[in-house]
PDB file of N, CA and C in Angstrom:
ATOM      1  N   MET A   1       0.846  -1.166   0.000  1.00  0.00           N
ATOM      2  CA  MET A   1       0.000   0.000   0.000  1.00  0.00           C
ATOM      3  C   MET A   1       0.903   1.245   0.000  1.00  0.00           C
ATOM      4  N   PRO A   2       0.570   2.241  -0.819  1.00  0.00           N
ATOM      5  CA  PRO A   2       1.396   3.456  -0.850  1.00  0.00           C
ATOM      6  C   PRO A   2       1.410   4.166   0.511  1.00  0.00           C
ATOM      7  N   GLU A   3       2.505   4.844   0.763  1.00  0.00           N
ATOM      8  CA  GLU A   3       2.684   5.483   2.067  1.00  0.00           C
ATOM      9  C   GLU A   3       1.644   6.582   2.315  1.00  0.00           C
ATOM     10  N   LEU A   4       1.260   7.302   1.273  1.00  0.00           N
ATOM     11  CA  LEU A   4       0.275   8.381   1.429  1.00  0.00           C
ATOM     12  C   LEU A   4      -1.101   7.830   1.809  1.00  0.00           C
ATOM     13  N   ILE A   5      -1.479   6.691   1.215  1.00  0.00           N
ATOM     14  CA  ILE A   5      -2.766   6.069   1.551  1.00  0.00           C
ATOM     15  C   ILE A   5      -2.742   5.581   2.996  1.00  0.00           C
ATOM     16  N   ARG A   6      -1.622   4.992   3.404  1.00  0.00           N
ATOM     17  CA  ARG A   6      -1.485   4.525   4.778  1.00  0.00           C
ATOM     18  C   ARG A   6      -1.585   5.695   5.760  1.00  0.00           C
ATOM     19  N   LEU A   7      -0.965   6.828   5.402  1.00  0.00           N
ATOM     20  CA  LEU A   7      -1.033   8.020   6.233  1.00  0.00           C
ATOM     21  C   LEU A   7      -2.469   8.528   6.335  1.00  0.00           C
ATOM     22  N   TYR A   8      -3.194   8.519   5.212  1.00  0.00           N
ATOM     23  CA  TYR A   8      -4.571   8.995   5.205  1.00  0.00           C
ATOM     24  C   TYR A   8      -5.470   8.098   6.066  1.00  0.00           C
ATOM     25  N   ILE A   9      -5.321   6.789   5.927  1.00  0.00           N
ATOM     26  CA  ILE A   9      -6.141   5.863   6.716  1.00  0.00           C
ATOM     27  C   ILE A   9      -5.852   6.015   8.211  1.00  0.00           C
ATOM     28  N   LYS A  10      -4.580   6.182   8.547  1.00  0.00           N
ATOM     29  CA  LYS A  10      -4.214   6.383   9.950  1.00  0.00           C
ATOM     30  C   LYS A  10      -4.868   7.646  10.503  1.00  0.00           C
ATOM     31  N   ASN A  11      -4.894   8.713   9.718  1.00  0.00           N
ATOM     32  CA  ASN A  11      -5.497   9.964  10.180  1.00  0.00           C
ATOM     33  C   ASN A  11      -7.021   9.886  10.234  1.00  0.00           C
ATOM     34  N   VAL A  12      -7.628   9.072   9.375  1.00  0.00           N
ATOM     35  CA  VAL A  12      -9.076   8.863   9.454  1.00  0.00           C
ATOM     36  C   VAL A  12      -9.418   8.114  10.743  1.00  0.00           C
ATOM     37  N   VAL A  13      -8.613   7.138  11.110  1.00  0.00           N
ATOM     38  CA  VAL A  13      -8.860   6.401  12.355  1.00  0.00           C
ATOM     39  C   VAL A  13      -8.700   7.328  13.560  1.00  0.00           C
ATOM     40  N   ILE A  14      -7.654   8.161  13.538  1.00  0.00           N
ATOM     41  CA  ILE A  14      -7.466   9.128  14.627  1.00  0.00           C
ATOM     42  C   ILE A  14      -8.652  10.099  14.677  1.00  0.00           C
ATOM     43  N   GLY A  15      -9.096  10.578  13.518  1.00  0.00           N
ATOM     44  CA  GLY A  15     -10.244  11.477  13.452  1.00  0.00           C
ATOM     45  C   GLY A  15     -11.512  10.816  13.960  1.00  0.00           C
ATOM     46  N   PHE A  16     -11.663   9.518  13.703  1.00  0.00           N
ATOM     47  CA  PHE A  16     -12.832   8.782  14.189  1.00  0.00           C
ATOM     48  C   PHE A  16     -12.858   8.752  15.711  1.00  0.00           C
ATOM     49  N   PHE A  17     -11.703   8.490  16.327  1.00  0.00           N
ATOM     50  CA  PHE A  17     -11.667   8.442  17.783  1.00  0.00           C
ATOM     51  C   PHE A  17     -11.870   9.832  18.393  1.00  0.00           C
ATOM     52  N   ILE A  18     -11.350  10.853  17.740  1.00  0.00           N
ATOM     53  CA  ILE A  18     -11.595  12.219  18.226  1.00  0.00           C
ATOM     54  C   ILE A  18     -13.080  12.546  18.102  1.00  0.00           C
ATOM     55  N   ALA A  19     -13.707  12.118  17.006  1.00  0.00           N
ATOM     56  CA  ALA A  19     -15.144  12.365  16.817  1.00  0.00           C
ATOM     57  C   ALA A  19     -15.962  11.624  17.870  1.00  0.00           C
ATOM     58  N   LEU A  20     -15.573  10.393  18.193  1.00  0.00           N
ATOM     59  CA  LEU A  20     -16.273   9.658  19.250  1.00  0.00           C
ATOM     60  C   LEU A  20     -16.177  10.394  20.583  1.00  0.00           C
ATOM     61  N   ALA A  21     -14.981  10.884  20.884  1.00  0.00           N
ATOM     62  CA  ALA A  21     -14.807  11.619  22.133  1.00  0.00           C
ATOM     63  C   ALA A  21     -15.620  12.917  22.113  1.00  0.00           C
ATOM     64  N   PHE A  22     -15.636  13.599  20.981  1.00  0.00           N
ATOM     65  CA  PHE A  22     -16.372  14.861  20.870  1.00  0.00           C
ATOM     66  C   PHE A  22     -17.878  14.641  21.026  1.00  0.00           C
ATOM     67  N   VAL A  23     -18.398  13.641  20.331  1.00  0.00           N
ATOM     68  CA  VAL A  23     -19.836  13.354  20.439  1.00  0.00           C
ATOM     69  C   VAL A  23     -20.167  12.880  21.851  1.00  0.00           C
ATOM     70  N   GLY A  24     -19.290  12.098  22.451  1.00  0.00           N
ATOM     71  CA  GLY A  24     -19.503  11.682  23.838  1.00  0.00           C
ATOM     72  C   GLY A  24     -19.551  12.870  24.787  1.00  0.00           C
ATOM     73  N   LEU A  25     -18.657  13.847  24.582  1.00  0.00           N
ATOM     74  CA  LEU A  25     -18.681  15.048  25.410  1.00  0.00           C
ATOM     75  C   LEU A  25     -19.927  15.881  25.154  1.00  0.00           C
ATOM     76  N   LEU A  26     -20.370  15.927  23.893  1.00  0.00           N
ATOM     77  CA  LEU A  26     -21.609  16.646  23.584  1.00  0.00           C
ATOM     78  C   LEU A  26     -22.793  16.038  24.322  1.00  0.00           C
ATOM     79  N   LEU A  27     -22.868  14.718  24.310  1.00  0.00           N
ATOM     80  CA  LEU A  27     -23.979  14.049  24.976  1.00  0.00           C
ATOM     81  C   LEU A  27     -23.849  14.133  26.497  1.00  0.00           C
ATOM     82  N   TRP A  28     -22.631  14.034  27.009  1.00  0.00           N
ATOM     83  CA  TRP A  28     -22.421  14.120  28.440  1.00  0.00           C
ATOM     84  C   TRP A  28     -22.790  15.503  28.972  1.00  0.00           C
ATOM     85  N   ALA A  29     -22.405  16.549  28.242  1.00  0.00           N
ATOM     86  CA  ALA A  29     -22.706  17.920  28.670  1.00  0.00           C
ATOM     87  C   ALA A  29     -24.139  18.317  28.328  1.00  0.00           C
ATOM     88  N   ASN A  30     -24.818  17.505  27.538  1.00  0.00           N
ATOM     89  CA  ASN A  30     -26.203  17.745  27.139  1.00  0.00           C
ATOM     90  C   ASN A  30     -26.365  19.132  26.506  1.00  0.00           C
ATOM     91  N   VAL A  31     -25.484  19.426  25.551  1.00  0.00           N
ATOM     92  CA  VAL A  31     -25.501  20.708  24.851  1.00  0.00           C
ATOM     93  C   VAL A  31     -26.775  20.809  24.015  1.00  0.00           C
ATOM     94  N   GLY A  32     -27.524  21.869  24.232  1.00  0.00           N
ATOM     95  CA  GLY A  32     -28.765  22.067  23.482  1.00  0.00           C
ATOM     96  C   GLY A  32     -29.795  20.979  23.720  1.00  0.00           C
ATOM     97  N   ASN A  33     -29.708  20.338  24.878  1.00  0.00           N
ATOM     98  CA  ASN A  33     -30.619  19.239  25.215  1.00  0.00           C
ATOM     99  C   ASN A  33     -30.529  18.094  24.191  1.00  0.00           C
ATOM    100  N   LEU A  34     -29.326  17.919  23.635  1.00  0.00           N
ATOM    101  CA  LEU A  34     -29.107  16.927  22.579  1.00  0.00           C
ATOM    102  C   LEU A  34     -29.244  15.495  23.101  1.00  0.00           C
ATOM    103  N   ARG A  35     -28.759  15.251  24.307  1.00  0.00           N
ATOM    104  CA  ARG A  35     -28.848  13.905  24.868  1.00  0.00           C
ATOM    105  C   ARG A  35     -30.305  13.468  25.005  1.00  0.00           C
ATOM    106  N   HIS A  36     -31.137  14.350  25.486  1.00  0.00           N
ATOM    107  CA  HIS A  36     -32.560  14.030  25.636  1.00  0.00           C
ATOM    108  C   HIS A  36     -33.201  13.761  24.280  1.00  0.00           C
ATOM    109  N   LEU A  37     -32.854  14.589  23.284  1.00  0.00           N
ATOM    110  CA  LEU A  37     -33.438  14.405  21.952  1.00  0.00           C
ATOM    111  C   LEU A  37     -33.043  13.063  21.337  1.00  0.00           C
ATOM    112  N   ILE A  38     -31.776  12.698  21.496  1.00  0.00           N
ATOM    113  CA  ILE A  38     -31.302  11.448  20.889  1.00  0.00           C
ATOM    114  C   ILE A  38     -31.835  10.233  21.642  1.00  0.00           C
ATOM    115  N   LEU A  39     -31.821  10.277  22.956  1.00  0.00           N
ATOM    116  CA  LEU A  39     -32.221   9.106  23.731  1.00  0.00           C
ATOM    117  C   LEU A  39     -33.729   8.876  23.749  1.00  0.00           C
ATOM    118  N   THR A  40     -34.525   9.903  23.590  1.00  0.00           N
ATOM    119  CA  THR A  40     -35.977   9.715  23.639  1.00  0.00           C
ATOM    120  C   THR A  40     -36.614   9.562  22.262  1.00  0.00           C
ATOM    121  N   SER A  41     -35.871   9.796  21.212  1.00  0.00           N
ATOM    122  CA  SER A  41     -36.426   9.663  19.871  1.00  0.00           C
ATOM    123  C   SER A  41     -36.321   8.215  19.410  1.00  0.00           C
ATOM    124  N   ASP A  42     -37.277   7.799  18.580  1.00  0.00           N
ATOM    125  CA  ASP A  42     -37.227   6.422  18.076  1.00  0.00           C
ATOM    126  C   ASP A  42     -36.178   6.259  16.966  1.00  0.00           C
ATOM    127  N   ILE A  43     -35.728   7.348  16.371  1.00  0.00           N
ATOM    128  CA  ILE A  43     -34.656   7.268  15.365  1.00  0.00           C
ATOM    129  C   ILE A  43     -33.426   8.055  15.823  1.00  0.00           C
ATOM    130  N   GLY A  44     -33.208   8.088  17.120  1.00  0.00           N
ATOM    131  CA  GLY A  44     -32.063   8.796  17.679  1.00  0.00           C
ATOM    132  C   GLY A  44     -30.733   8.180  17.269  1.00  0.00           C
ATOM    133  N   TYR A  45     -30.734   6.896  16.985  1.00  0.00           N
ATOM    134  CA  TYR A  45     -29.493   6.234  16.559  1.00  0.00           C
ATOM    135  C   TYR A  45     -29.007   6.791  15.227  1.00  0.00           C
ATOM    136  N   ILE A  46     -29.921   7.253  14.372  1.00  0.00           N
ATOM    137  CA  ILE A  46     -29.501   7.856  13.094  1.00  0.00           C
ATOM    138  C   ILE A  46     -28.821   9.196  13.362  1.00  0.00           C
ATOM    139  N   ALA A  47     -29.378   9.964  14.274  1.00  0.00           N
ATOM    140  CA  ALA A  47     -28.759  11.243  14.629  1.00  0.00           C
ATOM    141  C   ALA A  47     -27.380  11.024  15.224  1.00  0.00           C
ATOM    142  N   MET A  48     -27.250  10.028  16.069  1.00  0.00           N
ATOM    143  CA  MET A  48     -25.952   9.714  16.673  1.00  0.00           C
ATOM    144  C   MET A  48     -24.946   9.278  15.609  1.00  0.00           C
ATOM    145  N   ALA A  49     -25.388   8.434  14.683  1.00  0.00           N
ATOM    146  CA  ALA A  49     -24.500   7.975  13.607  1.00  0.00           C
ATOM    147  C   ALA A  49     -24.070   9.135  12.719  1.00  0.00           C
ATOM    148  N   LEU A  50     -24.996  10.037  12.399  1.00  0.00           N
ATOM    149  CA  LEU A  50     -24.653  11.185  11.558  1.00  0.00           C
ATOM    150  C   LEU A  50     -23.698  12.132  12.272  1.00  0.00           C
ATOM    151  N   LEU A  51     -23.909  12.340  13.560  1.00  0.00           N
ATOM    152  CA  LEU A  51     -22.966  13.164  14.323  1.00  0.00           C
ATOM    153  C   LEU A  51     -21.561  12.574  14.279  1.00  0.00           C
ATOM    154  N   ILE A  52     -21.472  11.267  14.472  1.00  0.00           N
ATOM    155  CA  ILE A  52     -20.157  10.621  14.465  1.00  0.00           C
ATOM    156  C   ILE A  52     -19.537  10.663  13.078  1.00  0.00           C
ATOM    157  N   VAL A  53     -20.313  10.366  12.033  1.00  0.00           N
ATOM    158  CA  VAL A  53     -19.769  10.335  10.665  1.00  0.00           C
ATOM    159  C   VAL A  53     -19.288  11.716  10.234  1.00  0.00           C
ATOM    160  N   PHE A  54     -20.124  12.739  10.432  1.00  0.00           N
ATOM    161  CA  PHE A  54     -19.735  14.062   9.954  1.00  0.00           C
ATOM    162  C   PHE A  54     -18.601  14.662  10.782  1.00  0.00           C
ATOM    163  N   ASN A  55     -18.580  14.396  12.063  1.00  0.00           N
ATOM    164  CA  ASN A  55     -17.449  14.861  12.866  1.00  0.00           C
ATOM    165  C   ASN A  55     -16.184  14.080  12.533  1.00  0.00           C
ATOM    166  N   THR A  56     -16.319  12.817  12.148  1.00  0.00           N
ATOM    167  CA  THR A  56     -15.155  12.055  11.684  1.00  0.00           C
ATOM    168  C   THR A  56     -14.580  12.683  10.425  1.00  0.00           C
ATOM    169  N   ILE A  57     -15.433  13.099   9.514  1.00  0.00           N
ATOM    170  CA  ILE A  57     -14.956  13.751   8.291  1.00  0.00           C
ATOM    171  C   ILE A  57     -14.187  15.019   8.625  1.00  0.00           C
ATOM    172  N   VAL A  58     -14.740  15.817   9.528  1.00  0.00           N
ATOM    173  CA  VAL A  58     -14.083  17.076   9.887  1.00  0.00           C
ATOM    174  C   VAL A  58     -12.756  16.823  10.589  1.00  0.00           C
ATOM    175  N   PHE A  59     -12.778  16.007  11.627  1.00  0.00           N
ATOM    176  CA  PHE A  59     -11.571  15.809  12.417  1.00  0.00           C
ATOM    177  C   PHE A  59     -10.496  15.030  11.665  1.00  0.00           C
ATOM    178  N   SER A  60     -10.881  14.094  10.805  1.00  0.00           N
ATOM    179  CA  SER A  60      -9.860  13.381  10.030  1.00  0.00           C
ATOM    180  C   SER A  60      -9.248  14.300   8.984  1.00  0.00           C
ATOM    181  N   GLY A  61     -10.039  15.199   8.418  1.00  0.00           N
ATOM    182  CA  GLY A  61      -9.483  16.180   7.478  1.00  0.00           C
ATOM    183  C   GLY A  61      -8.484  17.098   8.148  1.00  0.00           C
ATOM    184  N   VAL A  62      -8.793  17.519   9.362  1.00  0.00           N
ATOM    185  CA  VAL A  62      -7.875  18.376  10.108  1.00  0.00           C
ATOM    186  C   VAL A  62      -6.605  17.604  10.464  1.00  0.00           C
ATOM    187  N   GLN A  63      -6.765  16.368  10.899  1.00  0.00           N
ATOM    188  CA  GLN A  63      -5.605  15.546  11.237  1.00  0.00           C
ATOM    189  C   GLN A  63      -4.701  15.342  10.020  1.00  0.00           C
ATOM    190  N   PHE A  64      -5.309  15.064   8.871  1.00  0.00           N
ATOM    191  CA  PHE A  64      -4.530  14.833   7.659  1.00  0.00           C
ATOM    192  C   PHE A  64      -3.817  16.113   7.234  1.00  0.00           C
ATOM    193  N   ALA A  65      -4.486  17.247   7.335  1.00  0.00           N
ATOM    194  CA  ALA A  65      -3.857  18.515   6.962  1.00  0.00           C
ATOM    195  C   ALA A  65      -2.675  18.823   7.873  1.00  0.00           C
ATOM    196  N   ILE A  66      -2.825  18.568   9.158  1.00  0.00           N
ATOM    197  CA  ILE A  66      -1.717  18.801  10.086  1.00  0.00           C
ATOM    198  C   ILE A  66      -0.549  17.872   9.761  1.00  0.00           C
ATOM    199  N   ALA A  67      -0.857  16.619   9.450  1.00  0.00           N
ATOM    200  CA  ALA A  67       0.212  15.660   9.128  1.00  0.00           C
ATOM    201  C   ALA A  67       0.947  16.061   7.860  1.00  0.00           C
ATOM    202  N   ILE A  68       0.220  16.531   6.859  1.00  0.00           N
ATOM    203  CA  ILE A  68       0.863  16.943   5.604  1.00  0.00           C
ATOM    204  C   ILE A  68       1.716  18.190   5.823  1.00  0.00           C
ATOM    205  N   MET A  69       1.203  19.147   6.580  1.00  0.00           N
ATOM    206  CA  MET A  69       1.963  20.374   6.813  1.00  0.00           C
ATOM    207  C   MET A  69       3.209  20.132   7.656  1.00  0.00           C
ATOM    208  N   ARG A  70       3.161  19.131   8.519  1.00  0.00           N
ATOM    209  CA  ARG A  70       4.354  18.828   9.319  1.00  0.00           C
ATOM    210  C   ARG A  70       5.434  18.140   8.501  1.00  0.00           C
ATOM    211  N   MET A  71       5.098  17.673   7.301  1.00  0.00           N
ATOM    212  CA  MET A  71       6.082  17.016   6.443  1.00  0.00           C
ATOM    213  C   MET A  71       6.961  18.021   5.705  1.00  0.00           C
ATOM    214  N   ALA A  72       6.649  19.304   5.783  1.00  0.00           N
ATOM    215  CA  ALA A  72       7.403  20.322   5.057  1.00  0.00           C
ATOM    216  C   ALA A  72       8.830  20.392   5.587  1.00  0.00           C
ATOM    217  N   GLU A  73       9.736  20.754   4.699  1.00  0.00           N
ATOM    218  CA  GLU A  73      11.134  20.892   5.093  1.00  0.00           C
ATOM    219  C   GLU A  73      11.314  22.213   5.832  1.00  0.00           C
ATOM    220  N   ASP A  74      12.252  22.196   6.765  1.00  0.00           N
ATOM    221  CA  ASP A  74      12.553  23.432   7.483  1.00  0.00           C
ATOM    222  C   ASP A  74      13.261  24.398   6.559  1.00  0.00           C
ATOM    223  N   GLU A  75      12.964  25.676   6.735  1.00  0.00           N
ATOM    224  CA  GLU A  75      13.607  26.693   5.910  1.00  0.00           C
ATOM    225  C   GLU A  75      14.949  27.039   6.530  1.00  0.00           C
ATOM    226  N   ASP A  76      16.030  26.675   5.830  1.00  0.00           N
ATOM    227  CA  ASP A  76      17.360  26.967   6.339  1.00  0.00           C
ATOM    228  C   ASP A  76      17.891  28.284   5.794  1.00  0.00           C
ATOM    229  N   GLY A  77      17.442  28.667   4.599  1.00  0.00           N
ATOM    230  CA  GLY A  77      17.933  29.886   3.972  1.00  0.00           C
ATOM    231  C   GLY A  77      17.305  31.124   4.575  1.00  0.00           C
ATOM    232  N   SER A  78      17.756  32.255   4.063  1.00  0.00           N
ATOM    233  CA  SER A  78      17.227  33.514   4.575  1.00  0.00           C
ATOM    234  C   SER A  78      15.794  33.739   4.101  1.00  0.00           C
ATOM    235  N   GLY A  79      15.469  33.283   2.889  1.00  0.00           N
ATOM    236  CA  GLY A  79      14.118  33.424   2.362  1.00  0.00           C
ATOM    237  C   GLY A  79      13.749  34.871   2.104  1.00  0.00           C
ATOM    238  N   GLY A  80      12.705  35.082   1.349  1.00  0.00           N
ATOM    239  CA  GLY A  80      12.210  36.424   1.133  1.00  0.00           C
ATOM    240  C   GLY A  80      12.613  37.048  -0.180  1.00  0.00           C
ATOM    241  N   GLY A  81      13.397  36.386  -0.997  1.00  0.00           N
ATOM    242  CA  GLY A  81      13.722  36.937  -2.304  1.00  0.00           C
ATOM    243  C   GLY A  81      14.999  37.752  -2.308  1.00  0.00           C
ATOM    244  N   LYS A  82      15.218  38.457  -3.427  1.00  0.00           N
ATOM    245  CA  LYS A  82      16.439  39.244  -3.584  1.00  0.00           C
ATOM    246  C   LYS A  82      16.395  40.473  -2.689  1.00  0.00           C
ATOM    247  N   ARG A  83      17.551  40.851  -2.220  1.00  0.00           N
ATOM    248  CA  ARG A  83      17.659  42.015  -1.349  1.00  0.00           C
ATOM    249  C   ARG A  83      18.321  43.158  -2.125  1.00  0.00           C
ATOM    250  N   ASP A  84      17.683  43.588  -3.195  1.00  0.00           N
ATOM    251  CA  ASP A  84      18.207  44.708  -3.965  1.00  0.00           C
ATOM    252  C   ASP A  84      17.891  46.014  -3.265  1.00  0.00           C
ATOM    253  N   GLY A  85      18.805  46.942  -3.379  1.00  0.00           N
ATOM    254  CA  GLY A  85      18.573  48.252  -2.786  1.00  0.00           C
ATOM    255  C   GLY A  85      17.540  49.031  -3.582  1.00  0.00           C
ATOM    256  N   ILE A  86      16.883  49.965  -2.936  1.00  0.00           N
ATOM    257  CA  ILE A  86      15.902  50.809  -3.605  1.00  0.00           C
ATOM    258  C   ILE A  86      16.658  51.947  -4.286  1.00  0.00           C
ATOM    259  N   PRO A  87      16.460  52.124  -5.590  1.00  0.00           N
ATOM    260  CA  PRO A  87      17.172  53.212  -6.279  1.00  0.00           C
ATOM    261  C   PRO A  87      16.682  54.572  -5.782  1.00  0.00           C
ATOM    262  N   THR A  88      17.622  55.400  -5.345  1.00  0.00           N
ATOM    263  CA  THR A  88      17.259  56.711  -4.810  1.00  0.00           C
ATOM    264  C   THR A  88      17.373  57.818  -5.839  1.00  0.00           C
ATOM    265  N   ASP A  89      17.983  57.537  -6.991  1.00  0.00           N
ATOM    266  CA  ASP A  89      18.129  58.590  -7.996  1.00  0.00           C
ATOM    267  C   ASP A  89      16.800  58.939  -8.661  1.00  0.00           C
ATOM    268  N   LEU A  90      15.820  58.056  -8.625  1.00  0.00           N
ATOM    269  CA  LEU A  90      14.511  58.333  -9.204  1.00  0.00           C
ATOM    270  C   LEU A  90      13.612  59.113  -8.251  1.00  0.00           C
ATOM    271  N   ALA A  91      13.963  59.161  -6.973  1.00  0.00           N
ATOM    272  CA  ALA A  91      13.121  59.832  -5.988  1.00  0.00           C
ATOM    273  C   ALA A  91      13.045  61.328  -6.238  1.00  0.00           C
ATOM    274  N   ALA A  92      14.113  61.922  -6.801  1.00  0.00           N
ATOM    275  CA  ALA A  92      14.106  63.361  -7.052  1.00  0.00           C
ATOM    276  C   ALA A  92      13.123  63.729  -8.164  1.00  0.00           C
ATOM    277  N   GLU A  93      12.824  62.807  -9.054  1.00  0.00           N
ATOM    278  CA  GLU A  93      11.905  63.082 -10.153  1.00  0.00           C
ATOM    279  C   GLU A  93      10.453  63.051  -9.708  1.00  0.00           C
ATOM    280  N   ARG A  94      10.164  62.472  -8.569  1.00  0.00           N
ATOM    281  CA  ARG A  94       8.796  62.345  -8.083  1.00  0.00           C
ATOM    282  C   ARG A  94       8.456  63.534  -7.188  1.00  0.00           C
ATOM    283  N   LEU A  95       8.092  64.608  -7.802  1.00  0.00           N
ATOM    284  CA  LEU A  95       7.741  65.812  -7.066  1.00  0.00           C
ATOM    285  C   LEU A  95       6.258  66.086  -7.222  1.00  0.00           C
ATOM    286  N   ALA A  96       5.699  66.779  -6.256  1.00  0.00           N
ATOM    287  CA  ALA A  96       4.297  67.144  -6.327  1.00  0.00           C
ATOM    288  C   ALA A  96       4.117  68.247  -7.375  1.00  0.00           C
ATOM    289  N   ILE A  97       3.126  68.106  -8.213  1.00  0.00           N
ATOM    290  CA  ILE A  97       2.825  69.089  -9.250  1.00  0.00           C
ATOM    291  C   ILE A  97       1.525  69.777  -8.858  1.00  0.00           C
ATOM    292  N   PRO A  98       1.551  71.081  -8.700  1.00  0.00           N
ATOM    293  CA  PRO A  98       0.317  71.777  -8.328  1.00  0.00           C
ATOM    294  C   PRO A  98      -0.686  71.760  -9.480  1.00  0.00           C
ATOM    295  N   VAL A  99      -1.939  71.482  -9.165  1.00  0.00           N
ATOM    296  CA  VAL A  99      -3.012  71.460 -10.158  1.00  0.00           C
ATOM    297  C   VAL A  99      -4.033  72.517  -9.752  1.00  0.00           C
ATOM    298  N   PRO A 100      -4.284  73.506 -10.606  1.00  0.00           N
ATOM    299  CA  PRO A 100      -5.249  74.547 -10.242  1.00  0.00           C
ATOM    300  C   PRO A 100      -6.678  74.001 -10.281  1.00  0.00           C
ATOM    301  N   VAL A 101      -7.461  74.352  -9.253  1.00  0.00           N
ATOM    302  CA  VAL A 101      -8.844  73.910  -9.148  1.00  0.00           C
ATOM    303  C   VAL A 101      -9.687  75.137  -8.828  1.00  0.00           C
ATOM    304  N   ASP A 102     -10.768  75.296  -9.583  1.00  0.00           N
ATOM    305  CA  ASP A 102     -11.687  76.404  -9.326  1.00  0.00           C
ATOM    306  C   ASP A 102     -12.704  75.967  -8.287  1.00  0.00           C
ATOM    307  N   GLN A 103     -12.558  76.465  -7.089  1.00  0.00           N
ATOM    308  CA  GLN A 103     -13.481  76.126  -6.019  1.00  0.00           C
ATOM    309  C   GLN A 103     -14.301  77.355  -5.666  1.00  0.00           C
ATOM    310  N   PRO A 104     -15.596  77.180  -5.452  1.00  0.00           N
ATOM    311  CA  PRO A 104     -16.409  78.322  -5.013  1.00  0.00           C
ATOM    312  C   PRO A 104     -15.979  78.758  -3.619  1.00  0.00           C
ATOM    313  N   THR A 105     -16.001  80.032  -3.385  1.00  0.00           N
ATOM    314  CA  THR A 105     -15.531  80.563  -2.107  1.00  0.00           C
ATOM    315  C   THR A 105     -16.639  80.652  -1.067  1.00  0.00           C
ATOM    316  N   SER A 106     -17.888  80.667  -1.498  1.00  0.00           N
ATOM    317  CA  SER A 106     -18.972  80.758  -0.522  1.00  0.00           C
ATOM    318  C   SER A 106     -19.988  79.652  -0.746  1.00  0.00           C
ATOM    319  N   ARG A 107     -20.838  79.482   0.228  1.00  0.00           N
ATOM    320  CA  ARG A 107     -21.844  78.438   0.176  1.00  0.00           C
ATOM    321  C   ARG A 107     -22.902  78.740  -0.888  1.00  0.00           C
ATOM    322  N   LYS A 108     -23.193  79.982  -1.112  1.00  0.00           N
ATOM    323  CA  LYS A 108     -24.185  80.357  -2.120  1.00  0.00           C
ATOM    324  C   LYS A 108     -23.710  79.974  -3.517  1.00  0.00           C
ATOM    325  N   GLN A 109     -22.435  80.126  -3.783  1.00  0.00           N
ATOM    326  CA  GLN A 109     -21.906  79.757  -5.090  1.00  0.00           C
ATOM    327  C   GLN A 109     -21.976  78.246  -5.314  1.00  0.00           C
ATOM    328  N   ILE A 110     -21.802  77.472  -4.242  1.00  0.00           N
ATOM    329  CA  ILE A 110     -21.913  76.018  -4.365  1.00  0.00           C
ATOM    330  C   ILE A 110     -23.340  75.623  -4.716  1.00  0.00           C
ATOM    331  N   GLN A 111     -24.337  76.252  -4.081  1.00  0.00           N
ATOM    332  CA  GLN A 111     -25.729  75.924  -4.342  1.00  0.00           C
ATOM    333  C   GLN A 111     -26.155  76.381  -5.716  1.00  0.00           C
ATOM    334  N   LEU A 112     -25.621  77.457  -6.225  1.00  0.00           N
ATOM    335  CA  LEU A 112     -25.986  77.964  -7.549  1.00  0.00           C
ATOM    336  C   LEU A 112     -25.465  77.065  -8.659  1.00  0.00           C
ATOM    337  N   LYS A 113     -24.317  76.400  -8.442  1.00  0.00           N
ATOM    338  CA  LYS A 113     -23.746  75.537  -9.477  1.00  0.00           C
ATOM    339  C   LYS A 113     -24.552  74.264  -9.693  1.00  0.00           C
ATOM    340  N   ARG A 114     -25.291  73.845  -8.718  1.00  0.00           N
ATOM    341  CA  ARG A 114     -26.061  72.613  -8.847  1.00  0.00           C
ATOM    342  C   ARG A 114     -27.223  72.845  -9.698  1.00  0.00           C
TER     343      ARG A 114
END
């Protein structure tokens, strides 16, 4: 079996056990009266199964993502790209140019233009 598939299956199993613990804590703490709803309903086992399955999907995905990200190589170099200096000879060419604007001097002139 390829190593990546083995890694994925291992993380799905870990996610399953985390989901079991999470659903168990949800029922133990009776969040949103969930324990009462599941235990007194005639199809509560479906709700319990769906909670476990969907939380397994979430937690196994998180486990797999963490495992993949931990496989990255450590950055030994300085990183960040080239360290070229900023040319300062162009800075003198960037000067503010005044632009004349005709602005009304009083409020009446502003209202008349509309």
